[in-house]
Amino acid sequence: MDWATMSRADRDAAYNNGAAVPGGLENIARWAEASAAIRAAAPAHLDLPYGTGERNRWDLFPAADPKAPCLVFIHGGYWQRQTRETFACMADGVRAHGWSAALPGYTLAPAATLTGIVAELRAAFDWLEENGAAHGIDGPLIVSGWSAGGHLAAMMLGHPAVAAGLAVSGVFELGPLRDTYLNAALNLSDREIATLSPLRLTPVPKPLGIAYGTAELPMLMADSRALSTCRAAAHCAGFLLPVAGANHFTILEQLRAPDGDLTKAALTLVP
């Protein structure tokens, strides 16, 4: 696509996953229902504060073995929608293999800048590193996330507590977003585009799996492929996983399923 010659409507459409997948948002309602049941069944380690913000909370689901790997899943929503509570079911796949799971919340734009969101999540990982064992989570942390959460997972890969990552359907170059409807809430600065775009940063030499659906929007597929190429050129461990036929929403079913492509990919990341 020639971004320079596209209309504003076409640029907006290039990132509008809800419009691109008719009925796609119904998946989120279904995940929220499943996640509510999971949270109700395991309430002992929910809503744990790591900061002063209303959304600065962890939901933890410790495994029977405190030393088991832990999937940390960061929710999406273009940094301005959704909640951690909706996505507890995304840990179903790895929990079936004896893993723990943890889901952090964060302040949404425009109440927070993207700089502020990244800082909050770094503070969240600081808290989990210090306090996780007290809640039964003392194994390697595998950070994952979807959509905007995929971007945030890539940004958290460098945290000392993180062993590896799995970024799903992420946005890794922020520059084009300034020409779309998404920037009304994000109000991205030149500095944020330069310092918070994973494609502009020195790759972190930890294993990172990068997954996308082959039925996703072209801009998102291109970002995943470009990040994989960048990391390969820097000799960083990891893999690129195109999930055949999956769109921006159905790809997450591969993380919910114990034998799903994303679950199996996560299992390979344990050091």
Protein backbone atom coordinates (compact mmCIF):
# COMPACT_ATOMS: atom_id res chain seq x y z
CA MET A 1 0.00 0.00 0.00
CA ASP A 2 1.17 3.54 -0.79
CA TRP A 3 0.46 5.27 2.50
CA ALA A 4 1.35 8.70 1.14
CA THR A 5 -1.39 8.63 -1.49
CA MET A 6 -4.13 6.98 0.58
CA SER A 7 -7.16 8.94 1.72
CA ARG A 8 -7.83 9.46 5.42
CA ALA A 9 -10.72 6.99 5.18
CA ASP A 10 -8.41 4.36 3.71
CA ARG A 11 -5.81 5.00 6.39
CA ASP A 12 -8.45 4.62 9.09
CA ALA A 13 -9.65 1.38 7.51
CA ALA A 14 -6.09 0.03 7.45
CA TYR A 15 -6.20 -0.30 11.25
CA ASN A 16 -9.93 -0.78 11.93
CA ASN A 17 -10.13 -4.42 12.97
CA GLY A 18 -13.74 -4.18 14.10
CA ALA A 19 -14.88 -3.01 10.67
CA ALA A 20 -12.67 -5.52 8.88
CA VAL A 21 -14.17 -8.53 10.68
CA PRO A 22 -17.99 -8.50 10.66
CA GLY A 23 -19.15 -9.86 13.99
CA GLY A 24 -15.62 -9.81 15.34
CA LEU A 25 -16.57 -7.81 18.41
CA GLU A 26 -18.96 -10.57 19.40
CA ASN A 27 -15.87 -12.59 20.26
CA ILE A 28 -15.00 -10.08 22.96
CA ALA A 29 -18.42 -10.44 24.57
CA ARG A 30 -18.00 -14.21 24.56
CA TRP A 31 -14.52 -13.96 26.10
CA ALA A 32 -15.84 -11.63 28.79
CA GLU A 33 -18.51 -14.16 29.77
CA ALA A 34 -16.00 -17.02 29.93
CA SER A 35 -13.53 -14.89 31.87
CA ALA A 36 -16.15 -13.84 34.42
CA ALA A 37 -16.73 -17.50 35.25
CA ILE A 38 -12.97 -18.10 35.63
CA ARG A 39 -12.56 -15.12 37.94
CA ALA A 40 -15.55 -16.16 40.03
CA ALA A 41 -14.08 -19.64 40.48
CA ALA A 42 -10.63 -18.36 41.54
CA PRO A 43 -11.04 -15.05 43.41
CA ALA A 44 -8.17 -15.38 45.89
CA HIS A 45 -5.56 -13.36 43.97
CA LEU A 46 -7.61 -10.83 42.00
CA ASP A 47 -7.53 -7.03 41.90
CA LEU A 48 -4.10 -6.77 43.50
CA PRO A 49 -2.83 -3.17 43.29
CA TYR A 50 0.61 -2.42 41.89
CA GLY A 51 0.12 1.35 41.67
CA THR A 52 -2.25 4.15 42.55
CA GLY A 53 -4.32 4.23 39.36
CA GLU A 54 -7.77 2.69 39.27
CA ARG A 55 -6.65 0.18 36.63
CA ASN A 56 -3.26 -0.52 38.22
CA ARG A 57 -4.28 -4.01 39.27
CA TRP A 58 -3.16 -7.60 38.75
CA ASP A 59 -5.30 -10.70 38.39
CA LEU A 60 -3.19 -13.74 39.30
CA PHE A 61 -4.01 -17.39 38.74
CA PRO A 62 -1.25 -19.42 40.42
CA ALA A 63 -0.64 -23.02 39.40
CA ALA A 64 -0.26 -25.90 41.84
CA ASP A 65 3.51 -25.62 41.41
CA PRO A 66 4.80 -22.14 42.33
CA LYS A 67 7.83 -22.72 40.09
CA ALA A 68 5.67 -23.36 37.02
CA PRO A 69 6.02 -20.95 34.09
CA CYS A 70 3.63 -18.02 34.14
CA LEU A 71 1.93 -16.51 31.11
CA VAL A 72 1.51 -12.77 31.57
CA PHE A 73 -1.19 -11.66 29.13
CA ILE A 74 -1.58 -7.95 28.29
CA HIS A 75 -4.95 -7.03 26.82
CA GLY A 76 -5.48 -5.12 23.62
CA GLY A 77 -7.90 -2.42 22.54
CA TYR A 78 -5.57 0.05 20.82
CA TRP A 79 -4.38 1.30 24.23
CA GLN A 80 -7.78 2.97 24.74
CA ARG A 81 -10.34 0.18 25.24
CA GLN A 82 -10.95 -3.16 26.99
CA THR A 83 -9.96 -4.44 30.42
CA ARG A 84 -7.86 -7.23 31.88
CA GLU A 85 -11.02 -8.86 33.28
CA THR A 86 -12.26 -9.69 29.78
CA PHE A 87 -9.22 -11.77 28.89
CA ALA A 88 -8.73 -14.20 31.79
CA CYS A 89 -9.86 -17.00 29.48
CA MET A 90 -6.79 -16.47 27.30
CA ALA A 91 -4.79 -18.39 29.89
CA ASP A 92 -6.96 -21.51 29.51
CA GLY A 93 -4.54 -23.15 27.10
CA VAL A 94 -1.35 -22.87 29.14
CA ARG A 95 -3.13 -23.45 32.46
CA ALA A 96 -4.19 -26.84 31.11
CA HIS A 97 -0.45 -27.59 30.92
CA GLY A 98 0.16 -26.64 34.55
CA TRP A 99 1.18 -23.01 34.04
CA SER A 100 0.26 -20.01 36.14
CA ALA A 101 -1.24 -16.91 34.57
CA ALA A 102 -1.23 -13.21 35.34
CA LEU A 103 -3.11 -10.33 33.74
CA PRO A 104 -2.20 -6.69 34.40
CA GLY A 105 -4.45 -3.69 33.90
CA TYR A 106 -3.28 -0.24 32.86
CA THR A 107 -4.69 3.25 32.46
CA LEU A 108 -6.20 3.81 29.03
CA ALA A 109 -5.66 6.69 26.61
CA PRO A 110 -6.47 9.56 26.62
CA ALA A 111 -6.27 9.50 30.43
CA ALA A 112 -2.72 8.21 29.99
CA THR A 113 -0.20 8.78 27.24
CA LEU A 114 1.47 5.79 25.64
CA THR A 115 4.59 6.78 27.55
CA GLY A 116 2.58 6.57 30.75
CA ILE A 117 1.07 3.20 29.82
CA VAL A 118 4.49 1.67 29.17
CA ALA A 119 5.77 3.10 32.47
CA GLU A 120 2.81 1.63 34.33
CA LEU A 121 3.44 -1.81 32.93
CA ARG A 122 7.11 -1.65 33.82
CA ALA A 123 6.02 -0.83 37.37
CA ALA A 124 3.58 -3.76 37.21
CA PHE A 125 6.40 -6.15 36.33
CA ASP A 126 8.52 -4.68 39.11
CA TRP A 127 5.68 -5.51 41.51
CA LEU A 128 5.24 -9.03 40.16
CA GLU A 129 8.97 -9.70 40.41
CA GLU A 130 8.94 -8.64 44.05
CA ASN A 131 5.57 -10.01 45.16
CA GLY A 132 4.67 -12.87 42.83
CA ALA A 133 6.13 -15.59 45.06
CA ALA A 134 3.87 -14.52 47.92
CA HIS A 135 0.93 -15.30 45.64
CA GLY A 136 2.26 -18.63 44.38
CA ILE A 137 3.95 -17.36 41.20
CA ASP A 138 7.72 -17.88 41.27
CA GLY A 139 8.52 -19.38 37.87
CA PRO A 140 9.75 -17.87 34.60
CA LEU A 141 7.55 -15.12 33.19
CA ILE A 142 6.52 -15.40 29.54
CA VAL A 143 4.99 -12.08 28.50
CA SER A 144 2.29 -12.16 25.86
CA GLY A 145 -0.34 -9.81 24.53
CA TRP A 146 -2.71 -9.24 21.67
CA SER A 147 -3.10 -6.25 19.33
CA ALA A 148 -2.01 -3.22 21.38
CA GLY A 149 -1.08 -5.79 24.01
CA GLY A 150 1.23 -7.37 21.44
CA HIS A 151 3.02 -4.05 21.17
CA LEU A 152 3.21 -3.78 24.96
CA ALA A 153 4.48 -7.35 25.25
CA ALA A 154 7.33 -6.47 22.88
CA MET A 155 8.07 -3.39 24.98
CA MET A 156 8.14 -5.46 28.20
CA LEU A 157 10.50 -8.10 26.79
CA GLY A 158 13.46 -6.13 28.13
CA HIS A 159 12.23 -6.15 31.73
CA PRO A 160 14.65 -8.15 33.91
CA ALA A 161 11.85 -10.38 35.23
CA VAL A 162 10.78 -11.51 31.75
CA ALA A 163 12.28 -14.67 30.27
CA ALA A 164 10.64 -14.65 26.82
CA GLY A 165 7.66 -13.28 24.93
CA LEU A 166 4.84 -14.07 22.53
CA ALA A 167 3.44 -11.03 20.70
CA VAL A 168 0.14 -11.70 18.93
CA SER A 169 -1.20 -9.47 16.14
CA GLY A 170 0.76 -6.50 17.41
CA VAL A 171 1.42 -2.99 16.12
CA PHE A 172 5.18 -2.48 16.07
CA GLU A 173 5.54 0.77 14.09
CA LEU A 174 3.59 3.68 15.55
CA GLY A 175 4.29 6.30 12.90
CA PRO A 176 1.33 5.55 10.62
CA LEU A 177 -1.13 5.69 13.53
CA ARG A 178 -0.75 9.45 13.68
CA ASP A 179 -2.57 9.62 10.33
CA THR A 180 -5.58 7.62 11.60
CA TYR A 181 -8.59 7.95 13.89
CA LEU A 182 -6.62 6.19 16.64
CA ASN A 183 -4.50 9.26 17.28
CA ALA A 184 -7.40 11.31 18.61
CA ALA A 185 -6.95 9.51 21.94
CA LEU A 186 -3.26 8.65 21.67
CA ASN A 187 -1.93 12.05 20.55
CA LEU A 188 1.41 10.44 19.76
CA SER A 189 4.49 12.62 19.97
CA ASP A 190 7.57 12.41 17.78
CA ARG A 191 9.50 11.10 20.78
CA GLU A 192 6.94 8.38 21.47
CA ILE A 193 7.01 7.21 17.87
CA ALA A 194 10.81 7.07 17.99
CA THR A 195 11.20 5.44 21.39
CA LEU A 196 8.09 3.24 21.69
CA SER A 197 8.01 1.65 18.22
CA PRO A 198 9.64 -1.79 18.59
CA LEU A 199 10.69 -1.64 14.93
CA ARG A 200 12.83 1.41 15.71
CA LEU A 201 14.53 -0.05 18.77
CA THR A 202 17.53 -2.30 19.21
CA PRO A 203 16.09 -5.82 19.46
CA VAL A 204 16.09 -7.39 22.92
CA PRO A 205 18.14 -10.63 22.79
CA LYS A 206 15.53 -12.79 24.50
CA PRO A 207 13.29 -15.30 22.70
CA LEU A 208 10.25 -13.66 21.13
CA GLY A 209 7.56 -15.45 19.18
CA ILE A 210 5.65 -13.20 16.79
CA ALA A 211 2.25 -14.45 15.62
CA TYR A 212 -0.37 -13.09 13.27
CA GLY A 213 -3.40 -14.37 11.41
CA THR A 214 -3.18 -14.72 7.64
CA ALA A 215 -6.64 -13.11 7.38
CA GLU A 216 -5.62 -9.99 9.30
CA LEU A 217 -5.35 -6.47 7.96
CA PRO A 218 -2.27 -6.03 5.75
CA MET A 219 -0.69 -3.35 7.95
CA LEU A 220 -0.70 -5.64 10.98
CA MET A 221 0.65 -8.59 9.04
CA ALA A 222 3.41 -6.38 7.64
CA ASP A 223 4.41 -5.18 11.12
CA SER A 224 4.78 -8.75 12.40
CA ARG A 225 6.84 -9.80 9.42
CA ALA A 226 9.03 -6.71 9.64
CA LEU A 227 9.74 -7.21 13.34
CA SER A 228 10.65 -10.84 12.74
CA THR A 229 13.02 -9.81 9.94
CA CYS A 230 14.60 -7.14 12.12
CA ARG A 231 15.17 -9.57 14.98
CA ALA A 232 16.55 -12.26 12.67
CA ALA A 233 19.04 -9.76 11.26
CA ALA A 234 20.21 -9.11 14.83
CA HIS A 235 20.51 -12.87 15.48
CA CYS A 236 17.81 -12.81 18.17
CA ALA A 237 16.06 -16.02 19.16
CA GLY A 238 12.42 -16.51 18.31
CA PHE A 239 10.07 -17.37 15.49
CA LEU A 240 7.39 -15.99 13.18
CA LEU A 241 4.08 -17.85 13.32
CA PRO A 242 1.45 -17.12 10.64
CA VAL A 243 -1.78 -18.74 11.85
CA ALA A 244 -3.53 -19.95 8.71
CA GLY A 245 -6.99 -18.51 8.14
CA ALA A 246 -7.16 -16.64 11.44
CA ASN A 247 -8.38 -13.06 11.63
CA HIS A 248 -7.64 -10.49 14.32
CA PHE A 249 -10.14 -12.08 16.70
CA THR A 250 -10.20 -15.78 15.92
CA ILE A 251 -6.43 -16.03 16.34
CA LEU A 252 -6.89 -15.88 20.11
CA GLU A 253 -8.84 -19.12 20.09
CA GLN A 254 -5.45 -20.69 19.36
CA LEU A 255 -4.30 -19.44 22.77
CA ARG A 256 -7.41 -20.56 24.64
CA ALA A 257 -7.17 -24.13 23.36
CA PRO A 258 -4.72 -26.48 25.13
CA ASP A 259 -3.64 -27.81 21.73
CA GLY A 260 -3.89 -24.47 19.93
CA ASP A 261 -1.08 -23.15 17.75
CA LEU A 262 -0.36 -20.26 20.12
CA THR A 263 -0.49 -22.44 23.22
CA LYS A 264 2.00 -24.85 21.68
CA ALA A 265 4.17 -21.90 20.67
CA ALA A 266 4.13 -20.51 24.23
CA LEU A 267 5.19 -23.89 25.63
CA THR A 268 8.38 -23.80 23.52
CA LEU A 269 9.47 -20.49 25.07
CA VAL A 270 10.20 -21.78 28.56
CA PRO A 271 13.93 -21.44 29.27
